[in-house]
Amino acid sequence: MTVPDLSASQRILLWQAAEDYGGLWESPWELRALYPSASEESLVEVAKKVVSELLTMGLVELYYCQEPYGEMTLLPDAEASELLSTCDIWKVPPPGAISVRFSATEEATSVFFKKDTT
C-alpha cells in the first residue's frame, strides 16, 4: 500500500486513529485546529465526511466500546458506514454507555509511520 494523497482533515483524523482508538466525538475537536471559527455542527459534518472517506479507503475501522475502557468490538464495514450518520455517536458518551471509536488499520499505520511489514 502506498500513502494516498490525503487532505489536511484526513491526515489529522488518521493521525488520531493511528495514536489509539479515537472516540468519534473527539474528531470535531481535532478538526478545530484547521477550522478555528467553525461551528460545532459544521465540524461534526466535516468529521462525518472525513471518517467516511477514510473508511472507504480502508485506512480506518470502527469499533464499539463500553465506556470508559471496555473491550473493542469491530463493526462490519456496511454497518460502520451507516452508523456514521447517527447523531448520538458524535456526542461525548457517559460512563457505561456503548460508544463508537475508530482506529487506523494495521496496514495504514505501517504506511503512515513507514514501517516495514515484511
Protein backbone atom coordinates (compact mmCIF):
# COMPACT_ATOMS: atom_id res chain seq x y z
CA MET A 1 0.00 0.00 0.00
CA THR A 2 1.27 3.45 -0.83
CA VAL A 3 0.29 6.57 1.06
CA PRO A 4 -2.66 8.16 -0.74
CA ASP A 5 -2.84 11.91 -1.20
CA LEU A 6 -4.73 12.99 1.88
CA SER A 7 -6.33 16.30 2.73
CA ALA A 8 -5.28 18.09 5.91
CA SER A 9 -8.53 16.97 7.57
CA GLN A 10 -7.90 13.36 6.57
CA ARG A 11 -4.32 13.50 7.89
CA ILE A 12 -5.41 14.92 11.25
CA LEU A 13 -8.07 12.26 11.79
CA LEU A 14 -5.86 9.45 10.50
CA TRP A 15 -3.21 10.57 12.99
CA GLN A 16 -5.85 10.47 15.74
CA ALA A 17 -6.82 6.95 14.63
CA ALA A 18 -3.19 5.81 14.49
CA GLU A 19 -2.45 7.00 18.02
CA ASP A 20 -5.18 4.94 19.67
CA TYR A 21 -8.85 4.07 19.44
CA GLY A 22 -10.17 7.61 18.99
CA GLY A 23 -13.69 8.41 20.02
CA LEU A 24 -15.71 9.74 17.10
CA TRP A 25 -16.90 12.56 19.39
CA GLU A 26 -13.25 13.71 19.63
CA SER A 27 -12.87 14.17 15.87
CA PRO A 28 -14.52 17.61 15.70
CA TRP A 29 -12.16 18.76 18.47
CA GLU A 30 -9.18 17.64 16.36
CA LEU A 31 -10.55 19.46 13.31
CA ARG A 32 -10.86 22.70 15.31
CA ALA A 33 -7.13 23.26 14.63
CA LEU A 34 -7.90 23.60 10.91
CA TYR A 35 -11.22 25.42 11.28
CA PRO A 36 -10.95 27.58 14.42
CA SER A 37 -14.06 29.66 13.74
CA ALA A 38 -16.31 26.82 12.55
CA SER A 39 -19.43 25.91 14.50
CA GLU A 40 -19.57 22.62 16.37
CA GLU A 41 -22.27 21.42 13.96
CA SER A 42 -20.15 22.11 10.89
CA LEU A 43 -17.15 20.39 12.48
CA VAL A 44 -19.29 17.29 13.11
CA GLU A 45 -20.36 17.34 9.44
CA VAL A 46 -16.73 17.58 8.29
CA ALA A 47 -15.78 14.76 10.68
CA LYS A 48 -18.57 12.54 9.32
CA LYS A 49 -17.38 13.11 5.76
CA VAL A 50 -13.69 12.58 6.57
CA VAL A 51 -14.18 9.43 8.66
CA SER A 52 -16.41 8.04 5.90
CA GLU A 53 -13.68 8.74 3.32
CA LEU A 54 -11.01 7.09 5.49
CA LEU A 55 -13.30 4.10 6.00
CA THR A 56 -13.90 3.80 2.24
CA MET A 57 -10.13 3.99 1.60
CA GLY A 58 -9.59 1.13 4.05
CA LEU A 59 -7.46 3.30 6.34
CA VAL A 60 -9.66 3.07 9.46
CA GLU A 61 -12.10 0.68 11.08
CA LEU A 62 -14.91 1.41 13.53
CA TYR A 63 -15.38 -0.32 16.88
CA TYR A 64 -17.99 -0.46 19.63
CA CYS A 65 -16.65 0.16 23.13
CA GLN A 66 -18.34 0.15 26.52
CA GLU A 67 -17.06 3.32 28.13
CA PRO A 68 -14.76 4.20 29.54
CA TYR A 69 -12.24 1.42 28.79
CA GLY A 70 -14.18 -1.60 27.57
CA GLU A 71 -13.18 -4.18 25.01
CA MET A 72 -13.22 -3.08 21.37
CA THR A 73 -15.64 -4.90 19.03
CA LEU A 74 -15.04 -4.41 15.30
CA LEU A 75 -18.05 -3.26 13.28
CA PRO A 76 -18.63 -4.73 9.81
CA ASP A 77 -17.91 -2.15 7.07
CA ALA A 78 -21.55 -1.96 5.91
CA GLU A 79 -22.78 -1.25 9.43
CA ALA A 80 -19.93 1.18 10.07
CA SER A 81 -20.80 3.32 7.04
CA GLU A 82 -24.48 3.53 8.02
CA LEU A 83 -23.65 4.32 11.64
CA LEU A 84 -21.70 7.48 10.75
CA SER A 85 -24.92 9.37 10.04
CA THR A 86 -26.25 8.66 13.56
CA CYS A 87 -26.14 11.83 15.66
CA ASP A 88 -25.58 10.22 19.06
CA ILE A 89 -22.21 8.70 18.16
CA TRP A 90 -20.76 12.22 17.76
CA LYS A 91 -21.62 13.18 21.37
CA VAL A 92 -19.47 12.50 24.44
CA PRO A 93 -20.74 9.21 25.88
CA PRO A 94 -21.49 8.88 29.60
CA PRO A 95 -19.70 6.20 31.63
CA GLY A 96 -21.17 2.77 30.93
CA ALA A 97 -22.52 3.76 27.52
CA ILE A 98 -21.63 1.98 24.30
CA SER A 99 -19.59 4.36 22.15
CA VAL A 100 -18.15 4.19 18.67
CA ARG A 101 -14.41 4.58 18.27
CA PHE A 102 -12.13 4.36 15.27
CA SER A 103 -8.61 3.15 14.72
CA ALA A 104 -6.21 3.04 11.82
CA THR A 105 -5.88 -0.30 10.11
CA GLU A 106 -2.59 -2.10 10.63
CA GLU A 107 -1.67 -1.51 7.00
CA ALA A 108 -2.50 2.20 7.21
CA THR A 109 -0.46 2.56 10.39
CA SER A 110 2.55 0.84 8.84
CA VAL A 111 2.36 3.10 5.78
CA PHE A 112 1.67 6.21 7.83
CA PHE A 113 4.71 5.53 10.01
CA LYS A 114 6.68 3.95 7.13
CA LYS A 115 7.23 0.67 8.99
CA ASP A 116 8.41 -2.42 7.16
CA THR A 117 5.65 -5.05 7.32
CA THR A 118 7.66 -7.84 5.66
